[in-house]
Amino acid sequence: MTYASVLARPAETYRRIDVAGRTATADGAGLVQLLYDELVAALRAAAWAAQHGKLTVKSERVTRATAILFALEAGLDFAKGGEVSATLARLYAGARRTIIDASIGHDPAPFRDTAANLEEIAQAWRTVSRQ
């Protein structure tokens, strides 16, 4: 990241610093929660970008969301998680297919729908991690 890019995109720079700070202090459950939060934000931004014809932004957000889905899947413990891990793996793979397919068009609905579904899981994760 160059100094010029920092000045050109202050909101993105601040967000990166904020995420880096939160990851430095988060435990395992906190990191998963952070990934879900970032994933939902990326999908909502992709929906906005699709709706407003911002192809570069949409592409960046789809790439970020896809990477987060891979990271979440890579973190699954199939030995301990059993069927829950298998179900989440299928969910993540399906979400990846949906957003990659949707990245070709301009319809924001698949991004919004996927974000809403994952937000439900994120909320359940928040509830479990507080206990």
N, C-alpha and C. Protein backbone atom coordinates (compact mmCIF):
# COMPACT_ATOMS: atom_id res chain seq x y z
N MET A 1 0.85 -1.17 0.00
CA MET A 1 0.00 0.00 0.00
C MET A 1 0.90 1.24 0.00
N THR A 2 0.70 2.13 -0.96
CA THR A 2 1.51 3.32 -1.05
C THR A 2 0.85 4.46 -0.29
N TYR A 3 1.64 5.49 -0.02
CA TYR A 3 1.12 6.67 0.66
C TYR A 3 0.00 7.31 -0.15
N ALA A 4 0.17 7.36 -1.47
CA ALA A 4 -0.86 7.94 -2.34
C ALA A 4 -2.16 7.15 -2.26
N SER A 5 -2.06 5.82 -2.19
CA SER A 5 -3.29 5.02 -2.11
C SER A 5 -3.97 5.20 -0.77
N VAL A 6 -3.19 5.43 0.29
CA VAL A 6 -3.78 5.70 1.61
C VAL A 6 -4.58 6.98 1.57
N LEU A 7 -4.02 8.01 0.94
CA LEU A 7 -4.72 9.29 0.85
C LEU A 7 -5.93 9.21 -0.06
N ALA A 8 -5.84 8.41 -1.11
CA ALA A 8 -6.93 8.32 -2.08
C ALA A 8 -8.12 7.55 -1.53
N ARG A 9 -7.88 6.62 -0.61
CA ARG A 9 -8.97 5.78 -0.11
C ARG A 9 -8.92 5.72 1.42
N PRO A 10 -9.19 6.84 2.09
CA PRO A 10 -9.06 6.84 3.55
C PRO A 10 -10.03 5.90 4.25
N ALA A 11 -11.23 5.74 3.75
CA ALA A 11 -12.19 4.85 4.41
C ALA A 11 -11.71 3.41 4.35
N GLU A 12 -11.18 2.99 3.21
CA GLU A 12 -10.66 1.62 3.07
C GLU A 12 -9.45 1.42 3.96
N THR A 13 -8.59 2.42 4.03
CA THR A 13 -7.41 2.33 4.89
C THR A 13 -7.82 2.21 6.35
N TYR A 14 -8.76 3.02 6.78
CA TYR A 14 -9.23 2.95 8.16
C TYR A 14 -9.83 1.58 8.46
N ARG A 15 -10.62 1.05 7.52
CA ARG A 15 -11.23 -0.25 7.72
C ARG A 15 -10.17 -1.33 7.87
N ARG A 16 -9.13 -1.27 7.07
CA ARG A 16 -8.06 -2.26 7.16
C ARG A 16 -7.35 -2.17 8.51
N ILE A 17 -7.09 -0.96 8.95
CA ILE A 17 -6.44 -0.78 10.25
C ILE A 17 -7.34 -1.29 11.36
N ASP A 18 -8.62 -1.00 11.27
CA ASP A 18 -9.59 -1.46 12.28
C ASP A 18 -9.63 -2.98 12.32
N VAL A 19 -9.70 -3.63 11.16
CA VAL A 19 -9.74 -5.09 11.10
C VAL A 19 -8.45 -5.66 11.67
N ALA A 20 -7.31 -5.08 11.30
CA ALA A 20 -6.03 -5.57 11.82
C ALA A 20 -5.99 -5.46 13.34
N GLY A 21 -6.48 -4.37 13.87
CA GLY A 21 -6.50 -4.20 15.32
C GLY A 21 -7.41 -5.20 16.01
N ARG A 22 -8.56 -5.45 15.42
CA ARG A 22 -9.48 -6.42 16.03
C ARG A 22 -8.95 -7.84 15.95
N THR A 23 -8.25 -8.18 14.88
CA THR A 23 -7.71 -9.54 14.78
C THR A 23 -6.57 -9.76 15.75
N ALA A 24 -5.84 -8.71 16.07
CA ALA A 24 -4.70 -8.84 16.98
C ALA A 24 -5.14 -9.20 18.40
N THR A 25 -6.36 -8.79 18.76
CA THR A 25 -6.81 -9.01 20.14
C THR A 25 -7.89 -10.08 20.26
N ALA A 26 -8.33 -10.66 19.17
CA ALA A 26 -9.44 -11.61 19.21
C ALA A 26 -8.97 -13.03 19.50
N ASP A 27 -9.82 -13.77 20.22
CA ASP A 27 -9.57 -15.20 20.42
C ASP A 27 -10.17 -15.96 19.24
N GLY A 28 -10.17 -17.29 19.29
CA GLY A 28 -10.67 -18.10 18.18
C GLY A 28 -12.10 -17.76 17.81
N ALA A 29 -12.97 -17.70 18.80
CA ALA A 29 -14.38 -17.37 18.54
C ALA A 29 -14.51 -15.95 18.00
N GLY A 30 -13.70 -15.06 18.52
CA GLY A 30 -13.73 -13.68 18.04
C GLY A 30 -13.28 -13.56 16.61
N LEU A 31 -12.29 -14.37 16.23
CA LEU A 31 -11.82 -14.35 14.85
C LEU A 31 -12.89 -14.88 13.88
N VAL A 32 -13.57 -15.93 14.28
CA VAL A 32 -14.66 -16.45 13.44
C VAL A 32 -15.74 -15.39 13.30
N GLN A 33 -16.07 -14.73 14.40
CA GLN A 33 -17.09 -13.68 14.35
C GLN A 33 -16.65 -12.55 13.44
N LEU A 34 -15.39 -12.18 13.52
CA LEU A 34 -14.85 -11.14 12.65
C LEU A 34 -14.95 -11.55 11.18
N LEU A 35 -14.64 -12.82 10.88
CA LEU A 35 -14.76 -13.30 9.51
C LEU A 35 -16.20 -13.21 9.02
N TYR A 36 -17.15 -13.62 9.86
CA TYR A 36 -18.55 -13.51 9.46
C TYR A 36 -18.94 -12.04 9.22
N ASP A 37 -18.54 -11.16 10.12
CA ASP A 37 -18.87 -9.75 9.96
C ASP A 37 -18.29 -9.19 8.66
N GLU A 38 -17.05 -9.53 8.39
CA GLU A 38 -16.40 -9.06 7.16
C GLU A 38 -17.06 -9.67 5.92
N LEU A 39 -17.45 -10.92 6.02
CA LEU A 39 -18.11 -11.61 4.91
C LEU A 39 -19.43 -10.95 4.58
N VAL A 40 -20.24 -10.71 5.57
CA VAL A 40 -21.55 -10.08 5.36
C VAL A 40 -21.36 -8.67 4.79
N ALA A 41 -20.39 -7.93 5.33
CA ALA A 41 -20.12 -6.57 4.82
C ALA A 41 -19.68 -6.62 3.36
N ALA A 42 -18.84 -7.57 3.01
CA ALA A 42 -18.37 -7.70 1.62
C ALA A 42 -19.54 -8.01 0.68
N LEU A 43 -20.43 -8.90 1.12
CA LEU A 43 -21.57 -9.26 0.28
C LEU A 43 -22.54 -8.09 0.12
N ARG A 44 -22.76 -7.34 1.18
CA ARG A 44 -23.63 -6.16 1.07
C ARG A 44 -23.01 -5.11 0.16
N ALA A 45 -21.70 -4.94 0.24
CA ALA A 45 -21.02 -4.00 -0.64
C ALA A 45 -21.09 -4.48 -2.10
N ALA A 46 -20.97 -5.79 -2.31
CA ALA A 46 -21.11 -6.33 -3.67
C ALA A 46 -22.51 -6.08 -4.21
N ALA A 47 -23.52 -6.23 -3.36
CA ALA A 47 -24.90 -5.96 -3.79
C ALA A 47 -25.06 -4.50 -4.20
N TRP A 48 -24.53 -3.60 -3.37
CA TRP A 48 -24.59 -2.18 -3.69
C TRP A 48 -23.89 -1.91 -5.02
N ALA A 49 -22.69 -2.46 -5.17
CA ALA A 49 -21.91 -2.24 -6.38
C ALA A 49 -22.62 -2.79 -7.62
N ALA A 50 -23.24 -3.97 -7.48
CA ALA A 50 -23.98 -4.54 -8.61
C ALA A 50 -25.14 -3.63 -9.00
N GLN A 51 -25.83 -3.13 -8.01
CA GLN A 51 -26.99 -2.27 -8.26
C GLN A 51 -26.58 -0.95 -8.91
N HIS A 52 -25.40 -0.45 -8.58
CA HIS A 52 -24.96 0.85 -9.08
C HIS A 52 -23.94 0.77 -10.21
N GLY A 53 -23.73 -0.43 -10.74
CA GLY A 53 -22.84 -0.59 -11.88
C GLY A 53 -21.37 -0.34 -11.58
N LYS A 54 -20.97 -0.54 -10.35
CA LYS A 54 -19.56 -0.35 -9.95
C LYS A 54 -18.85 -1.70 -10.04
N LEU A 55 -18.42 -2.03 -11.24
CA LEU A 55 -17.89 -3.37 -11.51
C LEU A 55 -16.60 -3.67 -10.76
N THR A 56 -15.73 -2.70 -10.63
CA THR A 56 -14.47 -2.92 -9.91
C THR A 56 -14.73 -3.21 -8.45
N VAL A 57 -15.61 -2.43 -7.84
CA VAL A 57 -15.94 -2.63 -6.43
C VAL A 57 -16.60 -4.00 -6.25
N LYS A 58 -17.52 -4.32 -7.14
CA LYS A 58 -18.19 -5.63 -7.06
C LYS A 58 -17.17 -6.75 -7.13
N SER A 59 -16.26 -6.66 -8.08
CA SER A 59 -15.24 -7.69 -8.23
C SER A 59 -14.37 -7.82 -6.98
N GLU A 60 -13.95 -6.70 -6.42
CA GLU A 60 -13.13 -6.71 -5.20
C GLU A 60 -13.89 -7.36 -4.04
N ARG A 61 -15.16 -7.02 -3.89
CA ARG A 61 -15.95 -7.53 -2.77
C ARG A 61 -16.27 -9.02 -2.96
N VAL A 62 -16.52 -9.44 -4.18
CA VAL A 62 -16.74 -10.87 -4.46
C VAL A 62 -15.47 -11.66 -4.16
N THR A 63 -14.34 -11.13 -4.56
CA THR A 63 -13.06 -11.79 -4.27
C THR A 63 -12.84 -11.90 -2.77
N ARG A 64 -13.12 -10.85 -2.04
CA ARG A 64 -12.96 -10.86 -0.58
C ARG A 64 -13.91 -11.87 0.06
N ALA A 65 -15.16 -11.84 -0.35
CA ALA A 65 -16.15 -12.77 0.22
C ALA A 65 -15.76 -14.21 -0.07
N THR A 66 -15.31 -14.47 -1.28
CA THR A 66 -14.90 -15.83 -1.64
C THR A 66 -13.72 -16.28 -0.79
N ALA A 67 -12.75 -15.41 -0.60
CA ALA A 67 -11.59 -15.75 0.23
C ALA A 67 -12.00 -16.03 1.67
N ILE A 68 -12.93 -15.26 2.19
CA ILE A 68 -13.40 -15.47 3.57
C ILE A 68 -14.13 -16.80 3.68
N LEU A 69 -14.95 -17.12 2.68
CA LEU A 69 -15.65 -18.41 2.70
C LEU A 69 -14.65 -19.57 2.68
N PHE A 70 -13.60 -19.45 1.89
CA PHE A 70 -12.56 -20.49 1.90
C PHE A 70 -11.89 -20.57 3.27
N ALA A 71 -11.62 -19.42 3.89
CA ALA A 71 -10.98 -19.42 5.21
C ALA A 71 -11.88 -20.05 6.26
N LEU A 72 -13.16 -19.74 6.21
CA LEU A 72 -14.10 -20.35 7.16
C LEU A 72 -14.15 -21.86 6.98
N GLU A 73 -14.19 -22.29 5.72
CA GLU A 73 -14.24 -23.72 5.45
C GLU A 73 -12.94 -24.41 5.89
N ALA A 74 -11.82 -23.77 5.64
CA ALA A 74 -10.53 -24.36 6.03
C ALA A 74 -10.41 -24.51 7.54
N GLY A 75 -11.12 -23.66 8.28
CA GLY A 75 -11.07 -23.72 9.73
C GLY A 75 -12.01 -24.73 10.37
N LEU A 76 -12.81 -25.41 9.55
CA LEU A 76 -13.74 -26.39 10.11
C LEU A 76 -12.99 -27.61 10.65
N ASP A 77 -13.43 -28.08 11.79
CA ASP A 77 -12.84 -29.28 12.39
C ASP A 77 -13.86 -30.41 12.23
N PHE A 78 -13.66 -31.22 11.19
CA PHE A 78 -14.62 -32.28 10.88
C PHE A 78 -14.60 -33.39 11.93
N ALA A 79 -13.47 -33.58 12.59
CA ALA A 79 -13.38 -34.62 13.62
C ALA A 79 -14.22 -34.24 14.84
N LYS A 80 -14.14 -33.00 15.25
CA LYS A 80 -14.90 -32.55 16.42
C LYS A 80 -16.29 -32.05 16.06
N GLY A 81 -16.41 -31.45 14.86
CA GLY A 81 -17.66 -30.81 14.48
C GLY A 81 -18.69 -31.72 13.86
N GLY A 82 -18.26 -32.89 13.38
CA GLY A 82 -19.18 -33.86 12.82
C GLY A 82 -20.09 -33.30 11.76
N GLU A 83 -21.38 -33.56 11.92
CA GLU A 83 -22.38 -33.15 10.94
C GLU A 83 -22.50 -31.63 10.83
N VAL A 84 -22.27 -30.91 11.92
CA VAL A 84 -22.33 -29.45 11.86
C VAL A 84 -21.26 -28.93 10.90
N SER A 85 -20.05 -29.47 11.02
CA SER A 85 -18.96 -29.06 10.11
C SER A 85 -19.29 -29.42 8.67
N ALA A 86 -19.84 -30.58 8.45
CA ALA A 86 -20.21 -30.99 7.09
C ALA A 86 -21.29 -30.08 6.52
N THR A 87 -22.26 -29.72 7.33
CA THR A 87 -23.33 -28.82 6.90
C THR A 87 -22.77 -27.44 6.57
N LEU A 88 -21.90 -26.93 7.43
CA LEU A 88 -21.29 -25.63 7.16
C LEU A 88 -20.44 -25.67 5.90
N ALA A 89 -19.71 -26.75 5.67
CA ALA A 89 -18.90 -26.87 4.46
C ALA A 89 -19.79 -26.80 3.21
N ARG A 90 -20.92 -27.48 3.25
CA ARG A 90 -21.86 -27.42 2.11
C ARG A 90 -22.42 -26.01 1.95
N LEU A 91 -22.74 -25.38 3.05
CA LEU A 91 -23.27 -24.01 3.01
C LEU A 91 -22.24 -23.05 2.40
N TYR A 92 -20.99 -23.14 2.85
CA TYR A 92 -19.95 -22.26 2.33
C TYR A 92 -19.73 -22.50 0.84
N ALA A 93 -19.70 -23.76 0.42
CA ALA A 93 -19.51 -24.08 -1.00
C ALA A 93 -20.68 -23.54 -1.83
N GLY A 94 -21.88 -23.68 -1.33
CA GLY A 94 -23.06 -23.16 -2.03
C GLY A 94 -23.03 -21.64 -2.12
N ALA A 95 -22.62 -21.00 -1.04
CA ALA A 95 -22.53 -19.53 -1.04
C ALA A 95 -21.49 -19.07 -2.06
N ARG A 96 -20.36 -19.77 -2.12
CA ARG A 96 -19.33 -19.42 -3.10
C ARG A 96 -19.88 -19.54 -4.52
N ARG A 97 -20.56 -20.64 -4.81
CA ARG A 97 -21.14 -20.82 -6.16
C ARG A 97 -22.12 -19.70 -6.47
N THR A 98 -22.97 -19.37 -5.51
CA THR A 98 -23.98 -18.33 -5.73
C THR A 98 -23.33 -16.99 -6.05
N ILE A 99 -22.35 -16.60 -5.24
CA ILE A 99 -21.79 -15.26 -5.47
C ILE A 99 -20.90 -15.22 -6.72
N ILE A 100 -20.24 -16.32 -7.03
CA ILE A 100 -19.44 -16.34 -8.26
C ILE A 100 -20.36 -16.27 -9.47
N ASP A 101 -21.45 -17.03 -9.45
CA ASP A 101 -22.43 -16.96 -10.54
C ASP A 101 -23.03 -15.56 -10.65
N ALA A 102 -23.34 -14.96 -9.51
CA ALA A 102 -23.96 -13.63 -9.50
C ALA A 102 -22.99 -12.54 -9.93
N SER A 103 -21.69 -12.80 -9.81
CA SER A 103 -20.71 -11.77 -10.15
C SER A 103 -20.72 -11.43 -11.64
N ILE A 104 -21.30 -12.30 -12.45
CA ILE A 104 -21.35 -12.08 -13.88
C ILE A 104 -22.41 -11.03 -14.24
N GLY A 105 -23.50 -10.98 -13.49
CA GLY A 105 -24.60 -10.08 -13.81
C GLY A 105 -24.62 -8.82 -12.98
N HIS A 106 -25.76 -8.18 -12.99
CA HIS A 106 -25.94 -6.91 -12.27
C HIS A 106 -27.04 -6.99 -11.22
N ASP A 107 -27.49 -8.19 -10.94
CA ASP A 107 -28.57 -8.38 -9.97
C ASP A 107 -27.99 -8.41 -8.56
N PRO A 108 -28.39 -7.48 -7.70
CA PRO A 108 -27.87 -7.46 -6.33
C PRO A 108 -28.51 -8.51 -5.42
N ALA A 109 -29.63 -9.09 -5.83
CA ALA A 109 -30.39 -9.99 -4.96
C ALA A 109 -29.59 -11.20 -4.47
N PRO A 110 -28.83 -11.89 -5.32
CA PRO A 110 -28.07 -13.05 -4.79
C PRO A 110 -27.08 -12.66 -3.69
N PHE A 111 -26.47 -11.49 -3.83
CA PHE A 111 -25.55 -11.03 -2.80
C PHE A 111 -26.29 -10.72 -1.51
N ARG A 112 -27.43 -10.03 -1.64
CA ARG A 112 -28.23 -9.69 -0.45
C ARG A 112 -28.77 -10.94 0.23
N ASP A 113 -29.27 -11.87 -0.56
CA ASP A 113 -29.83 -13.11 0.00
C ASP A 113 -28.75 -13.92 0.72
N THR A 114 -27.59 -14.03 0.11
CA THR A 114 -26.50 -14.78 0.73
C THR A 114 -26.04 -14.08 2.01
N ALA A 115 -25.95 -12.75 1.97
CA ALA A 115 -25.58 -11.99 3.18
C ALA A 115 -26.59 -12.22 4.29
N ALA A 116 -27.87 -12.21 3.96
CA ALA A 116 -28.92 -12.43 4.97
C ALA A 116 -28.82 -13.82 5.58
N ASN A 117 -28.59 -14.82 4.74
CA ASN A 117 -28.45 -16.20 5.26
C ASN A 117 -27.25 -16.32 6.17
N LEU A 118 -26.14 -15.75 5.76
CA LEU A 118 -24.93 -15.84 6.57
C LEU A 118 -25.02 -14.98 7.82
N GLU A 119 -25.79 -13.90 7.75
CA GLU A 119 -26.00 -13.07 8.95
C GLU A 119 -26.75 -13.86 10.02
N GLU A 120 -27.67 -14.72 9.60
CA GLU A 120 -28.37 -15.58 10.57
C GLU A 120 -27.39 -16.50 11.28
N ILE A 121 -26.46 -17.07 10.53
CA ILE A 121 -25.45 -17.94 11.13
C ILE A 121 -24.53 -17.12 12.02
N ALA A 122 -24.16 -15.93 11.58
CA ALA A 122 -23.31 -15.06 12.38
C ALA A 122 -23.99 -14.72 13.71
N GLN A 123 -25.28 -14.45 13.67
CA GLN A 123 -26.01 -14.14 14.89
C GLN A 123 -26.03 -15.35 15.83
N ALA A 124 -26.24 -16.52 15.29
CA ALA A 124 -26.20 -17.74 16.11
C ALA A 124 -24.81 -17.93 16.70
N TRP A 125 -23.76 -17.67 15.92
CA TRP A 125 -22.39 -17.78 16.40
C TRP A 125 -22.15 -16.80 17.55
N ARG A 126 -22.66 -15.56 17.40
CA ARG A 126 -22.52 -14.55 18.48
C ARG A 126 -23.16 -15.07 19.77
N THR A 127 -24.33 -15.65 19.64
CA THR A 127 -25.05 -16.15 20.81
C THR A 127 -24.27 -17.28 21.47
N VAL A 128 -23.78 -18.22 20.68
CA VAL A 128 -23.02 -19.35 21.23
C VAL A 128 -21.70 -18.88 21.83
N SER A 129 -21.01 -17.97 21.18
CA SER A 129 -19.69 -17.56 21.66
C SER A 129 -19.79 -16.72 22.94
N ARG A 130 -20.93 -16.14 23.22
CA ARG A 130 -21.10 -15.38 24.48
C ARG A 130 -21.29 -16.28 25.67
N GLN A 131 -21.71 -17.52 25.42
CA GLN A 131 -22.01 -18.43 26.53
C GLN A 131 -20.78 -19.09 27.09
